[in-house]
Amino acid sequence: MSQLELNKTQAKRFLEYLTKSDFENLHQLLADEMQYILPGKSPIATHFTSAAEFSDFVQSAFSGKVKNAKIEISNIIAEDNLVALEATGLFEFNNGLIYENIYHFLFHFNEQNLITKLTEHMDSYHASKLFA
């Protein structure tokens, strides 16, 4: 498998593990110094600077709270150490909240195929109305 295809596979695994709340395997995809950026000026805009910080955030947001989740990829391309991915997501929480959004993820990978940086673009207005 080429480096580009391996990076695309890792990006897909990231989303798979996220929807399954498989935080242990999700964390294994991350370089220790990984950065996560949710850009913007909304109340949910975020910048984490380590895999541990990102993993803590994801677990606190989803662990034991999600009844059903799926993310469908509509487009994925890879070049150099980057993977760009467009997707739609649907998360059904145990409290009855339904969260649907559209996403663009930009993954950066190192030579070990670990994620070193992830920028997530979404409808932050919608997300902030539900979560902020």
N, C-alpha and C. Protein backbone atom coordinates (compact mmCIF):
# COMPACT_ATOMS: atom_id res chain seq x y z
N MET A 1 0.86 -1.18 0.00
CA MET A 1 0.00 0.00 0.00
C MET A 1 0.90 1.24 0.00
N SER A 2 0.58 2.20 -0.84
CA SER A 2 1.37 3.43 -0.92
C SER A 2 1.19 4.26 0.35
N GLN A 3 2.11 5.17 0.56
CA GLN A 3 2.04 6.08 1.72
C GLN A 3 0.73 6.88 1.69
N LEU A 4 0.33 7.34 0.52
CA LEU A 4 -0.90 8.12 0.39
C LEU A 4 -2.12 7.28 0.78
N GLU A 5 -2.17 6.06 0.30
CA GLU A 5 -3.30 5.18 0.63
C GLU A 5 -3.30 4.83 2.11
N LEU A 6 -2.13 4.64 2.68
CA LEU A 6 -2.05 4.34 4.11
C LEU A 6 -2.55 5.53 4.94
N ASN A 7 -2.18 6.74 4.55
CA ASN A 7 -2.66 7.93 5.26
C ASN A 7 -4.18 8.06 5.14
N LYS A 8 -4.74 7.79 3.96
CA LYS A 8 -6.19 7.83 3.80
C LYS A 8 -6.86 6.78 4.69
N THR A 9 -6.27 5.61 4.76
CA THR A 9 -6.81 4.55 5.63
C THR A 9 -6.78 4.99 7.09
N GLN A 10 -5.71 5.63 7.51
CA GLN A 10 -5.61 6.11 8.89
C GLN A 10 -6.67 7.17 9.19
N ALA A 11 -6.91 8.06 8.24
CA ALA A 11 -7.95 9.09 8.43
C ALA A 11 -9.33 8.44 8.57
N LYS A 12 -9.59 7.44 7.74
CA LYS A 12 -10.87 6.71 7.84
C LYS A 12 -10.99 5.99 9.17
N ARG A 13 -9.89 5.40 9.63
CA ARG A 13 -9.90 4.72 10.93
C ARG A 13 -10.21 5.70 12.06
N PHE A 14 -9.63 6.89 11.96
CA PHE A 14 -9.89 7.92 12.97
C PHE A 14 -11.39 8.14 13.12
N LEU A 15 -12.08 8.33 12.01
CA LEU A 15 -13.53 8.56 12.07
C LEU A 15 -14.29 7.33 12.54
N GLU A 16 -13.84 6.17 12.11
CA GLU A 16 -14.47 4.92 12.56
C GLU A 16 -14.36 4.77 14.08
N TYR A 17 -13.16 4.97 14.60
CA TYR A 17 -12.96 4.83 16.05
C TYR A 17 -13.74 5.90 16.82
N LEU A 18 -13.83 7.10 16.26
CA LEU A 18 -14.60 8.16 16.91
C LEU A 18 -16.07 7.78 17.01
N THR A 19 -16.65 7.28 15.93
CA THR A 19 -18.07 6.94 15.96
C THR A 19 -18.36 5.72 16.84
N LYS A 20 -17.38 4.87 17.02
CA LYS A 20 -17.54 3.69 17.89
C LYS A 20 -17.15 3.97 19.33
N SER A 21 -16.75 5.21 19.62
CA SER A 21 -16.22 5.57 20.95
C SER A 21 -15.10 4.63 21.37
N ASP A 22 -14.27 4.25 20.41
CA ASP A 22 -13.11 3.39 20.65
C ASP A 22 -11.90 4.30 20.90
N PHE A 23 -11.86 4.88 22.10
CA PHE A 23 -10.88 5.91 22.41
C PHE A 23 -9.45 5.37 22.50
N GLU A 24 -9.29 4.12 22.89
CA GLU A 24 -7.95 3.54 22.97
C GLU A 24 -7.32 3.45 21.58
N ASN A 25 -8.04 2.89 20.62
CA ASN A 25 -7.51 2.80 19.27
C ASN A 25 -7.39 4.17 18.61
N LEU A 26 -8.32 5.06 18.91
CA LEU A 26 -8.25 6.42 18.38
C LEU A 26 -6.94 7.08 18.84
N HIS A 27 -6.64 6.95 20.12
CA HIS A 27 -5.42 7.57 20.66
C HIS A 27 -4.16 6.99 20.00
N GLN A 28 -4.20 5.72 19.63
CA GLN A 28 -3.04 5.08 18.99
C GLN A 28 -2.71 5.68 17.62
N LEU A 29 -3.64 6.38 17.02
CA LEU A 29 -3.42 7.02 15.72
C LEU A 29 -2.73 8.37 15.83
N LEU A 30 -2.56 8.87 17.06
CA LEU A 30 -2.09 10.23 17.28
C LEU A 30 -0.63 10.28 17.71
N ALA A 31 0.12 11.20 17.11
CA ALA A 31 1.47 11.49 17.59
C ALA A 31 1.33 12.24 18.92
N ASP A 32 2.28 12.05 19.82
CA ASP A 32 2.20 12.69 21.14
C ASP A 32 2.01 14.19 21.06
N GLU A 33 2.70 14.82 20.11
CA GLU A 33 2.67 16.28 19.97
C GLU A 33 1.55 16.77 19.05
N MET A 34 0.60 15.91 18.78
CA MET A 34 -0.50 16.21 17.87
C MET A 34 -1.21 17.50 18.26
N GLN A 35 -1.58 18.27 17.24
CA GLN A 35 -2.38 19.47 17.46
C GLN A 35 -3.77 19.25 16.86
N TYR A 36 -4.78 19.73 17.58
CA TYR A 36 -6.15 19.70 17.08
C TYR A 36 -6.64 21.14 17.06
N ILE A 37 -7.16 21.55 15.91
CA ILE A 37 -7.63 22.93 15.77
C ILE A 37 -9.06 22.93 15.24
N LEU A 38 -9.94 23.57 15.97
CA LEU A 38 -11.29 23.87 15.51
C LEU A 38 -11.31 25.39 15.42
N PRO A 39 -11.03 25.93 14.21
CA PRO A 39 -10.83 27.37 14.09
C PRO A 39 -12.12 28.17 14.19
N GLY A 40 -11.96 29.44 14.42
CA GLY A 40 -13.09 30.35 14.43
C GLY A 40 -13.18 31.16 15.71
N LYS A 41 -14.26 31.91 15.80
CA LYS A 41 -14.49 32.78 16.94
C LYS A 41 -15.70 32.36 17.76
N SER A 42 -16.26 31.20 17.43
CA SER A 42 -17.42 30.72 18.17
C SER A 42 -16.97 30.24 19.55
N PRO A 43 -17.91 30.04 20.45
CA PRO A 43 -17.55 29.56 21.80
C PRO A 43 -16.90 28.18 21.81
N ILE A 44 -17.04 27.42 20.74
CA ILE A 44 -16.46 26.08 20.72
C ILE A 44 -15.11 26.02 19.99
N ALA A 45 -14.63 27.16 19.48
CA ALA A 45 -13.32 27.18 18.82
C ALA A 45 -12.27 26.66 19.81
N THR A 46 -11.36 25.84 19.31
CA THR A 46 -10.45 25.10 20.19
C THR A 46 -9.09 24.94 19.53
N HIS A 47 -8.05 24.87 20.36
CA HIS A 47 -6.71 24.49 19.88
C HIS A 47 -6.04 23.68 21.00
N PHE A 48 -5.88 22.40 20.76
CA PHE A 48 -5.18 21.52 21.68
C PHE A 48 -3.79 21.26 21.12
N THR A 49 -2.81 21.05 22.00
CA THR A 49 -1.43 20.91 21.56
C THR A 49 -0.80 19.57 21.94
N SER A 50 -1.62 18.60 22.30
CA SER A 50 -1.08 17.26 22.57
C SER A 50 -2.16 16.22 22.36
N ALA A 51 -1.71 15.00 22.09
CA ALA A 51 -2.65 13.88 21.93
C ALA A 51 -3.42 13.64 23.22
N ALA A 52 -2.75 13.78 24.35
CA ALA A 52 -3.41 13.55 25.64
C ALA A 52 -4.54 14.55 25.85
N GLU A 53 -4.28 15.80 25.54
CA GLU A 53 -5.29 16.85 25.71
C GLU A 53 -6.50 16.59 24.79
N PHE A 54 -6.22 16.23 23.53
CA PHE A 54 -7.30 15.93 22.59
C PHE A 54 -8.08 14.70 23.04
N SER A 55 -7.39 13.65 23.45
CA SER A 55 -8.05 12.42 23.88
C SER A 55 -8.95 12.67 25.09
N ASP A 56 -8.48 13.46 26.05
CA ASP A 56 -9.30 13.80 27.21
C ASP A 56 -10.57 14.53 26.78
N PHE A 57 -10.42 15.46 25.84
CA PHE A 57 -11.57 16.21 25.34
C PHE A 57 -12.60 15.30 24.68
N VAL A 58 -12.13 14.43 23.79
CA VAL A 58 -13.04 13.54 23.06
C VAL A 58 -13.75 12.59 24.02
N GLN A 59 -13.01 12.04 24.96
CA GLN A 59 -13.63 11.12 25.92
C GLN A 59 -14.66 11.82 26.77
N SER A 60 -14.36 13.04 27.22
CA SER A 60 -15.34 13.74 28.06
C SER A 60 -16.58 14.14 27.27
N ALA A 61 -16.42 14.38 25.97
CA ALA A 61 -17.56 14.79 25.14
C ALA A 61 -18.44 13.61 24.73
N PHE A 62 -17.84 12.41 24.56
CA PHE A 62 -18.58 11.30 23.97
C PHE A 62 -18.72 10.06 24.85
N SER A 63 -17.82 9.82 25.76
CA SER A 63 -17.81 8.56 26.51
C SER A 63 -19.12 8.35 27.29
N GLY A 64 -19.81 7.27 26.95
CA GLY A 64 -21.05 6.92 27.63
C GLY A 64 -22.23 7.80 27.31
N LYS A 65 -22.05 8.76 26.39
CA LYS A 65 -23.11 9.72 26.08
C LYS A 65 -23.76 9.50 24.73
N VAL A 66 -23.09 8.76 23.85
CA VAL A 66 -23.57 8.59 22.48
C VAL A 66 -24.28 7.26 22.33
N LYS A 67 -25.51 7.33 21.90
CA LYS A 67 -26.32 6.12 21.67
C LYS A 67 -26.02 5.52 20.30
N ASN A 68 -25.88 6.39 19.31
CA ASN A 68 -25.68 5.96 17.93
C ASN A 68 -24.89 7.05 17.21
N ALA A 69 -23.95 6.65 16.35
CA ALA A 69 -23.17 7.64 15.61
C ALA A 69 -22.73 7.07 14.27
N LYS A 70 -22.71 7.95 13.28
CA LYS A 70 -22.14 7.55 12.01
C LYS A 70 -21.61 8.79 11.30
N ILE A 71 -20.54 8.58 10.58
CA ILE A 71 -19.96 9.62 9.73
C ILE A 71 -19.79 9.02 8.35
N GLU A 72 -20.34 9.69 7.35
CA GLU A 72 -20.24 9.23 5.98
C GLU A 72 -19.31 10.15 5.21
N ILE A 73 -18.30 9.55 4.60
CA ILE A 73 -17.31 10.30 3.83
C ILE A 73 -17.84 10.50 2.42
N SER A 74 -17.81 11.76 1.96
CA SER A 74 -18.24 12.04 0.60
C SER A 74 -17.05 12.23 -0.34
N ASN A 75 -15.95 12.77 0.17
CA ASN A 75 -14.74 12.97 -0.64
C ASN A 75 -13.52 12.80 0.24
N ILE A 76 -12.47 12.23 -0.34
CA ILE A 76 -11.20 12.09 0.36
C ILE A 76 -10.08 12.15 -0.68
N ILE A 77 -9.10 13.00 -0.40
CA ILE A 77 -7.94 13.10 -1.28
C ILE A 77 -6.68 13.17 -0.42
N ALA A 78 -5.57 12.73 -0.99
CA ALA A 78 -4.30 12.74 -0.27
C ALA A 78 -3.20 13.28 -1.17
N GLU A 79 -2.30 14.02 -0.54
CA GLU A 79 -1.13 14.55 -1.23
C GLU A 79 -0.04 14.76 -0.18
N ASP A 80 1.18 14.36 -0.52
CA ASP A 80 2.30 14.46 0.41
C ASP A 80 1.91 13.81 1.74
N ASN A 81 1.95 14.57 2.84
CA ASN A 81 1.60 14.02 4.15
C ASN A 81 0.20 14.47 4.59
N LEU A 82 -0.62 14.93 3.66
CA LEU A 82 -1.93 15.49 3.98
C LEU A 82 -3.06 14.62 3.44
N VAL A 83 -4.15 14.57 4.21
CA VAL A 83 -5.39 13.97 3.75
C VAL A 83 -6.51 14.97 4.03
N ALA A 84 -7.26 15.31 2.98
CA ALA A 84 -8.43 16.17 3.11
C ALA A 84 -9.67 15.30 2.94
N LEU A 85 -10.63 15.50 3.83
CA LEU A 85 -11.78 14.62 3.87
C LEU A 85 -13.03 15.45 4.13
N GLU A 86 -14.06 15.24 3.30
CA GLU A 86 -15.37 15.85 3.53
C GLU A 86 -16.32 14.77 3.99
N ALA A 87 -17.18 15.13 4.93
CA ALA A 87 -18.09 14.12 5.49
C ALA A 87 -19.32 14.78 6.09
N THR A 88 -20.33 13.94 6.30
CA THR A 88 -21.50 14.34 7.07
C THR A 88 -21.59 13.41 8.28
N GLY A 89 -22.05 13.95 9.37
CA GLY A 89 -22.12 13.16 10.59
C GLY A 89 -23.47 13.26 11.25
N LEU A 90 -23.82 12.19 11.94
CA LEU A 90 -25.05 12.13 12.72
C LEU A 90 -24.71 11.44 14.04
N PHE A 91 -24.94 12.16 15.13
CA PHE A 91 -24.71 11.62 16.47
C PHE A 91 -26.01 11.73 17.25
N GLU A 92 -26.45 10.60 17.79
CA GLU A 92 -27.64 10.55 18.62
C GLU A 92 -27.18 10.29 20.05
N PHE A 93 -27.44 11.25 20.92
CA PHE A 93 -26.99 11.15 22.30
C PHE A 93 -28.05 10.49 23.17
N ASN A 94 -27.60 9.91 24.26
CA ASN A 94 -28.51 9.21 25.17
C ASN A 94 -29.61 10.11 25.72
N ASN A 95 -29.34 11.41 25.82
CA ASN A 95 -30.34 12.34 26.36
C ASN A 95 -31.36 12.78 25.30
N GLY A 96 -31.29 12.18 24.09
CA GLY A 96 -32.24 12.49 23.03
C GLY A 96 -31.77 13.53 22.03
N LEU A 97 -30.68 14.21 22.32
CA LEU A 97 -30.15 15.22 21.41
C LEU A 97 -29.67 14.56 20.12
N ILE A 98 -30.08 15.13 19.00
CA ILE A 98 -29.63 14.68 17.69
C ILE A 98 -28.73 15.78 17.13
N TYR A 99 -27.50 15.39 16.80
CA TYR A 99 -26.52 16.34 16.28
C TYR A 99 -26.09 15.91 14.88
N GLU A 100 -26.44 16.73 13.90
CA GLU A 100 -26.06 16.48 12.51
C GLU A 100 -25.20 17.65 12.06
N ASN A 101 -24.12 17.34 11.34
CA ASN A 101 -23.27 18.41 10.86
C ASN A 101 -22.54 17.97 9.61
N ILE A 102 -21.93 18.94 8.95
CA ILE A 102 -21.07 18.69 7.80
C ILE A 102 -19.66 19.06 8.21
N TYR A 103 -18.68 18.35 7.65
CA TYR A 103 -17.30 18.52 8.10
C TYR A 103 -16.33 18.55 6.93
N HIS A 104 -15.25 19.26 7.16
CA HIS A 104 -14.04 19.14 6.34
C HIS A 104 -12.89 18.96 7.33
N PHE A 105 -12.19 17.84 7.22
CA PHE A 105 -11.05 17.55 8.07
C PHE A 105 -9.79 17.63 7.22
N LEU A 106 -8.74 18.23 7.78
CA LEU A 106 -7.43 18.20 7.15
C LEU A 106 -6.47 17.53 8.13
N PHE A 107 -6.02 16.34 7.76
CA PHE A 107 -5.10 15.55 8.57
C PHE A 107 -3.67 15.76 8.07
N HIS A 108 -2.74 15.91 9.00
CA HIS A 108 -1.30 15.92 8.71
C HIS A 108 -0.71 14.67 9.35
N PHE A 109 0.13 13.96 8.61
CA PHE A 109 0.74 12.73 9.11
C PHE A 109 2.26 12.83 9.13
N ASN A 110 2.87 12.11 10.07
CA ASN A 110 4.32 12.00 10.09
C ASN A 110 4.74 10.72 9.36
N GLU A 111 6.04 10.42 9.39
CA GLU A 111 6.57 9.26 8.67
C GLU A 111 6.06 7.93 9.25
N GLN A 112 5.59 7.93 10.48
CA GLN A 112 5.05 6.72 11.12
C GLN A 112 3.55 6.58 10.90
N ASN A 113 2.98 7.43 10.03
CA ASN A 113 1.55 7.45 9.74
C ASN A 113 0.70 7.81 10.95
N LEU A 114 1.26 8.59 11.84
CA LEU A 114 0.51 9.11 12.98
C LEU A 114 0.06 10.53 12.67
N ILE A 115 -1.09 10.89 13.21
CA ILE A 115 -1.64 12.23 12.99
C ILE A 115 -0.88 13.23 13.85
N THR A 116 -0.30 14.24 13.19
CA THR A 116 0.44 15.28 13.91
C THR A 116 -0.39 16.56 14.05
N LYS A 117 -1.36 16.72 13.14
CA LYS A 117 -2.21 17.91 13.21
C LYS A 117 -3.53 17.56 12.54
N LEU A 118 -4.60 18.01 13.15
CA LEU A 118 -5.94 17.83 12.60
C LEU A 118 -6.70 19.14 12.74
N THR A 119 -7.12 19.66 11.59
CA THR A 119 -7.97 20.85 11.58
C THR A 119 -9.36 20.40 11.14
N GLU A 120 -10.35 20.76 11.94
CA GLU A 120 -11.73 20.37 11.68
C GLU A 120 -12.56 21.62 11.40
N HIS A 121 -13.16 21.66 10.23
CA HIS A 121 -14.07 22.74 9.87
C HIS A 121 -15.48 22.16 9.85
N MET A 122 -16.42 22.91 10.40
CA MET A 122 -17.81 22.46 10.48
C MET A 122 -18.71 23.66 10.59
N ASP A 123 -20.00 23.41 10.66
CA ASP A 123 -20.96 24.48 10.93
C ASP A 123 -20.90 24.76 12.43
N SER A 124 -20.00 25.66 12.81
CA SER A 124 -19.79 25.93 14.23
C SER A 124 -20.97 26.64 14.87
N TYR A 125 -21.75 27.36 14.09
CA TYR A 125 -22.96 27.99 14.62
C TYR A 125 -23.92 26.93 15.15
N HIS A 126 -24.15 25.93 14.32
CA HIS A 126 -25.04 24.82 14.72
C HIS A 126 -24.49 24.11 15.96
N ALA A 127 -23.21 23.78 15.95
CA ALA A 127 -22.60 23.08 17.08
C ALA A 127 -22.65 23.92 18.34
N SER A 128 -22.37 25.21 18.24
CA SER A 128 -22.37 26.06 19.44
C SER A 128 -23.77 26.22 20.00
N LYS A 129 -24.80 26.18 19.17
CA LYS A 129 -26.18 26.25 19.66
C LYS A 129 -26.52 25.01 20.48
N LEU A 130 -25.93 23.88 20.14
CA LEU A 130 -26.23 22.64 20.85
C LEU A 130 -25.33 22.41 22.06
N PHE A 131 -24.05 22.80 21.96
CA PHE A 131 -23.07 22.39 22.97
C PHE A 131 -22.48 23.52 23.80
N ALA A 132 -22.58 24.75 23.38
CA ALA A 132 -21.93 25.84 24.14
C ALA A 132 -22.81 26.36 25.25
